[in-house]
Amino acid sequence: MSPYRYVTQCRTQTAQRLLRNQHLAISEGAYQVGISKITSILKSNFSISFT
């Protein structure tokens, strides 16, 4: 696993915990963990489409 992929995975896992426990909006959880392109992360990691 590349360092970029590892960091992204850690950030998405932390964001998931925040969203579950603090009932934040997706954009707020992403911001708190340092993810700026949340839609591309969700598409690549979770196969979620925003169309």
N, C-alpha and C. Protein backbone atom coordinates (compact mmCIF):
# COMPACT_ATOMS: atom_id res chain seq x y z
N MET A 1 0.85 -1.17 0.00
CA MET A 1 0.00 0.00 0.00
C MET A 1 0.89 1.23 0.00
N SER A 2 0.55 2.17 -0.85
CA SER A 2 1.34 3.40 -0.93
C SER A 2 1.08 4.27 0.29
N PRO A 3 2.03 5.15 0.63
CA PRO A 3 1.83 6.05 1.77
C PRO A 3 0.58 6.92 1.60
N TYR A 4 0.33 7.40 0.38
CA TYR A 4 -0.85 8.23 0.13
C TYR A 4 -2.13 7.44 0.42
N ARG A 5 -2.17 6.21 -0.06
CA ARG A 5 -3.35 5.35 0.15
C ARG A 5 -3.56 5.06 1.64
N TYR A 6 -2.47 4.82 2.35
CA TYR A 6 -2.55 4.55 3.79
C TYR A 6 -3.13 5.76 4.54
N VAL A 7 -2.61 6.94 4.26
CA VAL A 7 -3.09 8.15 4.93
C VAL A 7 -4.55 8.40 4.59
N THR A 8 -4.91 8.21 3.32
CA THR A 8 -6.30 8.40 2.91
C THR A 8 -7.21 7.42 3.63
N GLN A 9 -6.78 6.18 3.76
CA GLN A 9 -7.57 5.17 4.45
C GLN A 9 -7.75 5.54 5.93
N CYS A 10 -6.68 5.99 6.57
CA CYS A 10 -6.78 6.41 7.97
C CYS A 10 -7.73 7.58 8.13
N ARG A 11 -7.65 8.54 7.23
CA ARG A 11 -8.53 9.70 7.30
C ARG A 11 -9.99 9.31 7.08
N THR A 12 -10.25 8.43 6.13
CA THR A 12 -11.64 8.04 5.89
C THR A 12 -12.20 7.25 7.07
N GLN A 13 -11.39 6.43 7.70
CA GLN A 13 -11.86 5.69 8.87
C GLN A 13 -12.16 6.63 10.03
N THR A 14 -11.31 7.63 10.23
CA THR A 14 -11.56 8.61 11.27
C THR A 14 -12.81 9.41 10.96
N ALA A 15 -12.99 9.79 9.71
CA ALA A 15 -14.19 10.53 9.31
C ALA A 15 -15.44 9.69 9.55
N GLN A 16 -15.38 8.40 9.27
CA GLN A 16 -16.52 7.52 9.52
C GLN A 16 -16.89 7.51 10.99
N ARG A 17 -15.89 7.42 11.86
CA ARG A 17 -16.16 7.43 13.31
C ARG A 17 -16.79 8.76 13.72
N LEU A 18 -16.27 9.85 13.21
CA LEU A 18 -16.84 11.17 13.54
C LEU A 18 -18.29 11.27 13.10
N LEU A 19 -18.57 10.80 11.89
CA LEU A 19 -19.93 10.90 11.36
C LEU A 19 -20.90 10.05 12.18
N ARG A 20 -20.46 8.89 12.61
CA ARG A 20 -21.32 8.03 13.42
C ARG A 20 -21.55 8.59 14.82
N ASN A 21 -20.49 9.08 15.44
CA ASN A 21 -20.57 9.46 16.85
C ASN A 21 -21.01 10.90 17.09
N GLN A 22 -20.74 11.78 16.16
CA GLN A 22 -21.06 13.19 16.38
C GLN A 22 -22.16 13.71 15.47
N HIS A 23 -22.67 12.87 14.60
CA HIS A 23 -23.77 13.23 13.70
C HIS A 23 -23.47 14.50 12.91
N LEU A 24 -22.30 14.54 12.31
CA LEU A 24 -21.87 15.68 11.49
C LEU A 24 -22.33 15.49 10.05
N ALA A 25 -22.36 16.57 9.31
CA ALA A 25 -22.56 16.48 7.87
C ALA A 25 -21.28 15.88 7.27
N ILE A 26 -21.40 15.26 6.11
CA ILE A 26 -20.25 14.63 5.48
C ILE A 26 -19.14 15.65 5.25
N SER A 27 -19.48 16.83 4.78
CA SER A 27 -18.46 17.85 4.52
C SER A 27 -17.75 18.29 5.80
N GLU A 28 -18.47 18.35 6.92
CA GLU A 28 -17.86 18.74 8.19
C GLU A 28 -16.89 17.66 8.69
N GLY A 29 -17.29 16.41 8.58
CA GLY A 29 -16.41 15.32 8.98
C GLY A 29 -15.16 15.26 8.13
N ALA A 30 -15.33 15.45 6.83
CA ALA A 30 -14.19 15.45 5.92
C ALA A 30 -13.23 16.59 6.25
N TYR A 31 -13.77 17.76 6.51
CA TYR A 31 -12.95 18.93 6.85
C TYR A 31 -12.13 18.67 8.12
N GLN A 32 -12.76 18.05 9.10
CA GLN A 32 -12.07 17.81 10.38
C GLN A 32 -10.89 16.86 10.25
N VAL A 33 -10.91 15.97 9.27
CA VAL A 33 -9.80 15.03 9.10
C VAL A 33 -8.86 15.43 7.97
N GLY A 34 -9.15 16.55 7.31
CA GLY A 34 -8.24 17.05 6.28
C GLY A 34 -8.48 16.52 4.88
N ILE A 35 -9.70 16.08 4.60
CA ILE A 35 -10.04 15.62 3.26
C ILE A 35 -10.73 16.75 2.53
N SER A 36 -10.15 17.19 1.42
CA SER A 36 -10.74 18.31 0.69
C SER A 36 -11.59 17.86 -0.49
N LYS A 37 -11.29 16.70 -1.05
CA LYS A 37 -12.04 16.21 -2.21
C LYS A 37 -12.85 14.98 -1.81
N ILE A 38 -13.86 15.21 -0.99
CA ILE A 38 -14.62 14.11 -0.41
C ILE A 38 -15.33 13.27 -1.46
N THR A 39 -15.85 13.87 -2.51
CA THR A 39 -16.58 13.08 -3.50
C THR A 39 -15.67 12.09 -4.21
N SER A 40 -14.45 12.50 -4.55
CA SER A 40 -13.54 11.56 -5.22
C SER A 40 -13.10 10.45 -4.27
N ILE A 41 -12.93 10.75 -2.99
CA ILE A 41 -12.56 9.73 -2.00
C ILE A 41 -13.70 8.72 -1.84
N LEU A 42 -14.93 9.20 -1.76
CA LEU A 42 -16.06 8.30 -1.61
C LEU A 42 -16.25 7.43 -2.84
N LYS A 43 -16.04 8.01 -4.01
CA LYS A 43 -16.16 7.23 -5.25
C LYS A 43 -15.12 6.13 -5.30
N SER A 44 -13.87 6.45 -4.98
CA SER A 44 -12.79 5.47 -5.12
C SER A 44 -12.78 4.42 -4.01
N ASN A 45 -13.16 4.81 -2.79
CA ASN A 45 -13.09 3.87 -1.67
C ASN A 45 -14.38 3.12 -1.39
N PHE A 46 -15.52 3.72 -1.72
CA PHE A 46 -16.79 3.12 -1.33
C PHE A 46 -17.75 2.94 -2.50
N SER A 47 -17.31 3.25 -3.71
CA SER A 47 -18.14 3.12 -4.92
C SER A 47 -19.46 3.88 -4.81
N ILE A 48 -19.41 5.06 -4.19
CA ILE A 48 -20.58 5.91 -4.06
C ILE A 48 -20.55 6.93 -5.18
N SER A 49 -21.67 7.05 -5.88
CA SER A 49 -21.76 7.99 -7.00
C SER A 49 -22.70 9.14 -6.64
N PHE A 50 -22.34 10.34 -7.08
CA PHE A 50 -23.14 11.53 -6.78
C PHE A 50 -23.74 12.11 -8.05
N THR A 51 -24.39 11.28 -8.83
CA THR A 51 -25.02 11.77 -10.06
C THR A 51 -26.51 11.77 -9.96
